[in-house]
Amino acid sequence: MTERIVVWIISVVTIGAAVIINVAHSFGMLDWAAAWLKEYSPVLAAVLFAMIAIILSTVSTRLYRFQNSFESGSLSTRLQDLQDSLNAVSLLEIRPFNSPQEIYQYWTQRLQEAEKSVADLTWGNYPPHYTSTDKDALKAYVDYIPAVCGRGIRYREVMTFPNIERVTRARQMLNHKAHNYHLRYYDLGDHTGTPPLMQFSVIDTEEVFIFFYREPKAELGSGELRLAIRHPTIVRLFLDYFDAIWRVAEPLKQGDDVENDLLDKIETAVRTFSPQKPTPLPTFLRSDSKSKT
C-alpha cells in the first residue's frame, strides 16, 4: 500500500509540474526564468531521472512479486481451484423421471450395469403404486436384485416396516439366500409421528436415485420429484448418510446369517397395526379422475 501511495504522489507531482510549465510557457511567463532554468538544468534533469527511476523500480518490484506468487503456487492454486469449480459444474448430471415406472426401469438398467456396490435406503411409509405399470416395474426391479448379488455385487439395504407389504418384500429377499445381499432395519413401530422420510439408492458410488419423500402426505400434490443425480460430492454425501444409518441399524441378514425368527416377530407386530388392505388413492388423483369423467 505504501508503494502505491509513493508512486501516486510522484505521478501527480510530475504531471502537475508538466502542466504548469506548459501553460506558463504558452503565456510567456517563463521568459524571466530562462537563465535560471539554463543554470539549474542539470539538477532538474537529475530530479526527473530520479522520479522515473522510482516509478520503474516500483513497477519492477510488482512484476517480481507477481512472478514469485505464480512460482510459489498461490496463484496457481487459485487457478486450480477455479478449474476444479468449473469441472464440478461440468460433472453434474441430473435426470428427472415423470413416474415410478420410469425411475424403476432406469434403476433396473443401472443395476444391470453395476460393478461394485449398491446402497438402498427403503424406509418410511410404504409408497403406493397406483397403476399396473408402476407395480410391474417395481416387481421387475425387485426380482433382479438376486441376479445383481449373484454377480458379486455387494447389495446393502436398510428397511423400516410400516405395513405388511414391506415385510413381504423383506421375506422375499431373505428367502433368496443371496450371499452378497445384506439387510438391516430400524424399528419405527407403526411410524406414527415420524416425518416423511426420503428414500434413496446409490449405485457404484457414481449415481444416487432420490424418490418417495412425501409419504404419508401424498395428498399434498402430484409434483413429487424423482431424480437420478451424478456428481461425486453429492453422491458421497448420500453414501456417507447411508453408512451412518447402516452402522446403527439392526441386522436381519448378513451374508449367510439370516434372522428369520426376528422377521417373524416383526411381522406379528406389524399385523397388529397394519392389516393388509388396498391403498386408497390420494385426494389429488381422485379429483383428477372425477374431472375426466
Protein backbone atom coordinates (compact mmCIF):
# COMPACT_ATOMS: atom_id res chain seq x y z
CA MET A 1 0.00 0.00 0.00
CA THR A 2 2.90 2.42 0.82
CA GLU A 3 4.50 1.83 -2.58
CA ARG A 4 1.24 2.61 -4.33
CA ILE A 5 0.92 5.90 -2.43
CA VAL A 6 4.51 6.93 -3.28
CA VAL A 7 4.00 6.16 -6.97
CA TRP A 8 0.69 8.03 -6.96
CA ILE A 9 2.24 11.15 -5.36
CA ILE A 10 5.21 11.15 -7.74
CA SER A 11 2.96 10.73 -10.73
CA VAL A 12 0.64 13.55 -9.65
CA VAL A 13 3.55 15.91 -8.92
CA THR A 14 5.26 15.12 -12.23
CA ILE A 15 2.10 15.55 -14.29
CA GLY A 16 1.11 18.68 -12.38
CA ALA A 17 4.54 20.27 -12.87
CA ALA A 18 4.48 19.47 -16.59
CA VAL A 19 1.04 21.05 -17.00
CA ILE A 20 2.02 24.22 -15.08
CA ILE A 21 5.26 24.67 -17.05
CA ASN A 22 3.50 24.22 -20.41
CA VAL A 23 0.74 26.71 -19.50
CA ALA A 24 3.25 29.26 -18.17
CA HIS A 25 5.41 28.87 -21.26
CA SER A 26 2.41 29.43 -23.57
CA PHE A 27 1.68 32.78 -21.92
CA GLY A 28 5.36 33.91 -21.89
CA MET A 29 5.53 33.75 -18.14
CA LEU A 30 8.84 31.84 -18.10
CA ASP A 31 10.96 34.28 -20.12
CA TRP A 32 12.46 35.72 -16.97
CA ALA A 33 13.40 32.25 -15.79
CA ALA A 34 15.23 31.19 -18.92
CA ALA A 35 18.63 31.99 -17.44
CA TRP A 36 17.71 30.24 -14.18
CA LEU A 37 16.50 27.12 -15.99
CA LYS A 38 19.66 27.08 -18.07
CA GLU A 39 21.79 27.29 -14.93
CA TYR A 40 19.95 24.56 -12.99
CA SER A 41 19.00 22.29 -15.88
CA PRO A 42 21.43 19.51 -14.74
CA VAL A 43 19.75 19.47 -11.32
CA LEU A 44 16.25 19.38 -12.83
CA ALA A 45 17.28 16.58 -15.17
CA ALA A 46 18.64 14.59 -12.22
CA VAL A 47 15.33 15.04 -10.31
CA LEU A 48 13.34 13.94 -13.37
CA PHE A 49 15.51 10.85 -13.86
CA ALA A 50 15.14 10.06 -10.15
CA MET A 51 11.34 10.16 -10.44
CA ILE A 52 11.40 7.91 -13.49
CA ALA A 53 13.74 5.51 -11.70
CA ILE A 54 11.42 5.31 -8.69
CA ILE A 55 8.40 4.52 -10.90
CA LEU A 56 10.33 1.89 -12.88
CA SER A 57 11.64 0.32 -9.67
CA THR A 58 8.14 0.07 -8.24
CA VAL A 59 6.78 -1.50 -11.43
CA SER A 60 9.69 -3.97 -11.46
CA THR A 61 9.01 -4.93 -7.83
CA ARG A 62 5.36 -5.57 -8.67
CA LEU A 63 6.27 -7.79 -11.60
CA TYR A 64 8.76 -9.70 -9.46
CA ARG A 65 6.16 -10.34 -6.77
CA PHE A 66 3.65 -11.46 -9.39
CA GLN A 67 6.17 -13.93 -10.79
CA ASN A 68 7.04 -15.23 -7.31
CA SER A 69 3.37 -15.68 -6.43
CA PHE A 70 2.88 -17.79 -9.53
CA GLU A 71 6.02 -19.86 -8.88
CA SER A 72 5.26 -20.31 -5.20
CA GLY A 73 1.90 -21.81 -6.04
CA SER A 74 -0.50 -19.26 -4.53
CA LEU A 75 -1.68 -18.02 -7.90
CA SER A 76 -1.53 -21.44 -9.49
CA THR A 77 -3.56 -22.79 -6.57
CA ARG A 78 -6.25 -20.20 -7.19
CA LEU A 79 -6.30 -21.04 -10.87
CA GLN A 80 -6.58 -24.74 -9.99
CA ASP A 81 -9.45 -24.02 -7.59
CA LEU A 82 -11.22 -22.15 -10.37
CA GLN A 83 -10.64 -25.06 -12.74
CA ASP A 84 -11.94 -27.53 -10.14
CA SER A 85 -15.11 -25.46 -9.73
CA LEU A 86 -15.67 -25.43 -13.47
CA ASN A 87 -15.06 -29.17 -13.62
CA ALA A 88 -17.54 -29.77 -10.79
CA VAL A 89 -20.24 -27.93 -12.72
CA SER A 90 -19.49 -29.92 -15.88
CA LEU A 91 -19.67 -33.20 -13.90
CA LEU A 92 -23.21 -32.54 -12.64
CA GLU A 93 -25.83 -34.64 -14.39
CA ILE A 94 -29.48 -34.68 -13.28
CA ARG A 95 -32.06 -36.98 -14.83
CA PRO A 96 -35.72 -36.40 -13.87
CA PHE A 97 -38.49 -39.03 -14.08
CA ASN A 98 -42.20 -38.48 -14.55
CA SER A 99 -43.46 -41.64 -12.84
CA PRO A 100 -42.40 -44.50 -10.56
CA GLN A 101 -42.41 -46.73 -13.65
CA GLU A 102 -39.74 -44.61 -15.36
CA ILE A 103 -37.39 -44.49 -12.40
CA TYR A 104 -37.78 -48.25 -11.69
CA GLN A 105 -36.97 -49.06 -15.30
CA TYR A 106 -33.87 -46.88 -15.32
CA TRP A 107 -32.91 -48.19 -11.89
CA THR A 108 -33.13 -51.77 -13.14
CA GLN A 109 -30.96 -50.81 -16.12
CA ARG A 110 -28.34 -49.33 -13.80
CA LEU A 111 -28.43 -52.45 -11.62
CA GLN A 112 -27.57 -54.45 -14.73
CA GLU A 113 -24.57 -52.16 -15.24
CA ALA A 114 -23.46 -52.15 -11.58
CA GLU A 115 -19.87 -53.21 -10.96
CA LYS A 116 -19.15 -52.79 -7.24
CA SER A 117 -21.92 -51.99 -4.80
CA VAL A 118 -25.48 -50.83 -4.12
CA ALA A 119 -26.70 -48.96 -1.02
CA ASP A 120 -30.51 -48.90 -0.77
CA LEU A 121 -32.44 -46.95 1.89
CA THR A 122 -36.01 -48.31 1.92
CA TRP A 123 -37.56 -46.69 4.95
CA GLY A 124 -40.53 -44.57 5.89
CA ASN A 125 -44.10 -45.14 4.84
CA TYR A 126 -44.67 -47.57 2.00
CA PRO A 127 -45.13 -45.62 -1.27
CA PRO A 128 -48.36 -46.55 -3.04
CA HIS A 129 -48.23 -47.63 -6.68
CA TYR A 130 -51.46 -46.67 -8.36
CA THR A 131 -51.00 -48.14 -11.82
CA SER A 132 -50.27 -51.64 -13.04
CA THR A 133 -47.24 -50.36 -14.99
CA ASP A 134 -45.76 -48.94 -11.77
CA LYS A 135 -46.31 -52.24 -10.00
CA ASP A 136 -44.82 -54.26 -12.87
CA ALA A 137 -41.74 -52.03 -12.99
CA LEU A 138 -41.30 -52.38 -9.20
CA LYS A 139 -41.58 -56.18 -9.44
CA ALA A 140 -39.01 -56.31 -12.26
CA TYR A 141 -36.57 -54.26 -10.18
CA VAL A 142 -37.01 -56.34 -7.01
CA ASP A 143 -36.80 -59.63 -8.94
CA TYR A 144 -33.48 -58.54 -10.45
CA ILE A 145 -31.74 -57.90 -7.12
CA PRO A 146 -30.67 -61.57 -6.58
CA ALA A 147 -29.11 -61.57 -10.06
CA VAL A 148 -27.09 -58.48 -9.12
CA CYS A 149 -25.85 -60.18 -5.95
CA GLY A 150 -25.04 -63.29 -7.96
CA ARG A 151 -22.53 -61.26 -9.96
CA GLY A 152 -20.58 -60.50 -6.78
CA ILE A 153 -22.10 -57.03 -6.27
CA ARG A 154 -22.44 -56.09 -2.60
CA TYR A 155 -26.05 -55.03 -2.01
CA ARG A 156 -26.85 -53.34 1.33
CA GLU A 157 -30.40 -52.38 2.22
CA VAL A 158 -31.96 -50.71 5.27
CA MET A 159 -35.72 -51.07 5.81
CA THR A 160 -38.42 -50.00 8.23
CA PHE A 161 -41.73 -51.86 8.43
CA PRO A 162 -44.84 -49.66 8.32
CA ASN A 163 -47.02 -52.38 6.77
CA ILE A 164 -47.19 -55.99 5.64
CA GLU A 165 -46.11 -55.18 2.07
CA ARG A 166 -42.66 -54.16 3.29
CA VAL A 167 -42.39 -57.27 5.47
CA THR A 168 -43.34 -59.43 2.48
CA ARG A 169 -40.62 -57.87 0.39
CA ALA A 170 -38.02 -58.41 3.13
CA ARG A 171 -39.01 -62.06 3.46
CA GLN A 172 -38.75 -62.47 -0.31
CA MET A 173 -35.17 -61.17 -0.23
CA LEU A 174 -34.22 -63.38 2.72
CA ASN A 175 -35.65 -66.47 1.01
CA HIS A 176 -33.37 -65.91 -1.99
CA LYS A 177 -30.37 -66.53 0.29
CA ALA A 178 -28.11 -64.42 -1.90
CA HIS A 179 -24.77 -64.27 -0.10
CA ASN A 180 -23.99 -60.69 -1.18
CA TYR A 181 -27.36 -59.31 -0.12
CA HIS A 182 -27.31 -57.72 3.37
CA LEU A 183 -30.39 -56.36 5.16
CA ARG A 184 -30.77 -54.27 8.31
CA TYR A 185 -33.76 -52.50 9.81
CA TYR A 186 -34.89 -49.66 12.03
CA ASP A 187 -37.73 -50.21 14.45
CA LEU A 188 -40.04 -47.21 13.99
CA GLY A 189 -43.12 -49.07 15.18
CA ASP A 190 -46.26 -48.04 13.29
CA HIS A 191 -44.43 -44.88 12.07
CA THR A 192 -46.89 -42.63 13.92
CA GLY A 193 -45.33 -39.21 14.43
CA THR A 194 -42.40 -39.80 12.11
CA PRO A 195 -41.81 -37.13 9.45
CA PRO A 196 -41.80 -38.02 5.75
CA LEU A 197 -38.57 -39.94 5.17
CA MET A 198 -36.73 -39.74 1.86
CA GLN A 199 -35.83 -42.99 0.15
CA PHE A 200 -32.73 -43.17 -2.00
CA SER A 201 -30.29 -45.62 -3.54
CA VAL A 202 -26.62 -45.26 -4.51
CA ILE A 203 -25.10 -47.40 -7.25
CA ASP A 204 -21.32 -47.87 -7.58
CA THR A 205 -20.66 -44.62 -5.67
CA GLU A 206 -21.44 -42.93 -9.01
CA GLU A 207 -25.16 -42.18 -9.08
CA VAL A 208 -27.85 -41.55 -6.47
CA PHE A 209 -31.59 -42.11 -7.01
CA ILE A 210 -33.88 -39.89 -4.94
CA PHE A 211 -37.63 -40.57 -4.68
CA PHE A 212 -40.68 -41.15 -2.45
CA TYR A 213 -40.18 -38.48 0.20
CA ARG A 214 -43.76 -37.23 0.70
CA GLU A 215 -45.42 -40.28 2.24
CA PRO A 216 -47.71 -40.29 4.12
CA LYS A 217 -48.60 -36.86 2.72
CA ALA A 218 -49.07 -37.79 -0.94
CA GLU A 219 -52.34 -35.82 -0.93
CA LEU A 220 -50.32 -32.60 -0.88
CA GLY A 221 -49.97 -32.82 -4.66
CA SER A 222 -48.58 -34.72 -7.60
CA GLY A 223 -45.36 -32.74 -8.03
CA GLU A 224 -43.03 -35.05 -6.10
CA LEU A 225 -39.59 -35.11 -7.74
CA ARG A 226 -37.87 -38.32 -8.78
CA LEU A 227 -34.25 -37.78 -9.74
CA ALA A 228 -31.07 -39.63 -10.65
CA ILE A 229 -28.01 -37.47 -9.93
CA ARG A 230 -24.40 -38.00 -10.97
CA HIS A 231 -21.90 -35.83 -9.12
CA PRO A 232 -19.01 -37.08 -6.95
CA THR A 233 -19.64 -34.78 -3.98
CA ILE A 234 -23.42 -35.17 -3.93
CA VAL A 235 -23.20 -38.96 -4.25
CA ARG A 236 -20.55 -39.07 -1.50
CA LEU A 237 -22.88 -37.10 0.81
CA PHE A 238 -25.77 -39.56 0.37
CA LEU A 239 -23.47 -42.57 0.72
CA ASP A 240 -21.98 -41.17 3.93
CA TYR A 241 -25.50 -40.65 5.29
CA PHE A 242 -26.43 -44.22 4.37
CA ASP A 243 -23.30 -45.56 6.08
CA ALA A 244 -24.21 -43.68 9.28
CA ILE A 245 -27.67 -45.28 9.24
CA TRP A 246 -26.26 -48.71 8.39
CA ARG A 247 -23.87 -48.73 11.34
CA VAL A 248 -26.66 -48.36 13.93
CA ALA A 249 -29.40 -50.43 12.24
CA GLU A 250 -30.24 -53.98 13.43
CA PRO A 251 -29.13 -56.90 11.20
CA LEU A 252 -31.70 -59.16 9.58
CA LYS A 253 -29.29 -60.75 7.09
CA GLN A 254 -25.53 -60.56 6.92
CA GLY A 255 -24.01 -62.85 4.33
CA ASP A 256 -25.43 -66.31 5.02
CA ASP A 257 -26.63 -65.42 8.55
CA VAL A 258 -30.40 -64.89 8.35
CA GLU A 259 -32.60 -63.82 11.28
CA ASN A 260 -35.90 -65.42 10.22
CA ASP A 261 -37.19 -65.59 13.79
CA LEU A 262 -36.64 -61.86 14.19
CA LEU A 263 -38.53 -61.16 10.96
CA ASP A 264 -41.40 -63.36 12.24
CA LYS A 265 -41.62 -61.21 15.37
CA ILE A 266 -41.58 -58.05 13.24
CA GLU A 267 -44.42 -59.42 11.09
CA THR A 268 -46.51 -60.28 14.15
CA ALA A 269 -46.06 -56.75 15.48
CA VAL A 270 -46.84 -55.12 12.13
CA ARG A 271 -50.09 -57.09 11.72
CA THR A 272 -51.40 -55.52 14.94
CA PHE A 273 -51.36 -52.03 13.46
CA SER A 274 -51.33 -52.59 9.70
CA PRO A 275 -53.76 -55.19 8.42
CA GLN A 276 -53.26 -55.88 4.71
CA LYS A 277 -55.66 -53.80 2.66
CA PRO A 278 -55.69 -51.88 -0.63
CA THR A 279 -54.01 -48.48 -0.58
CA PRO A 280 -56.59 -45.70 -1.19
CA LEU A 281 -55.99 -43.15 -3.91
CA PRO A 282 -54.79 -39.75 -2.66
CA THR A 283 -57.06 -36.73 -2.96
CA PHE A 284 -55.34 -35.20 -5.99
CA LEU A 285 -55.75 -38.40 -8.04
CA ARG A 286 -59.39 -38.82 -7.07
CA SER A 287 -60.19 -35.25 -8.07
CA ASP A 288 -58.42 -35.73 -11.41
CA SER A 289 -60.37 -38.87 -12.17
CA LYS A 290 -63.66 -37.14 -11.39
CA SER A 291 -62.84 -34.18 -13.60
CA LYS A 292 -62.10 -36.51 -16.52
CA THR A 293 -65.50 -38.20 -16.19
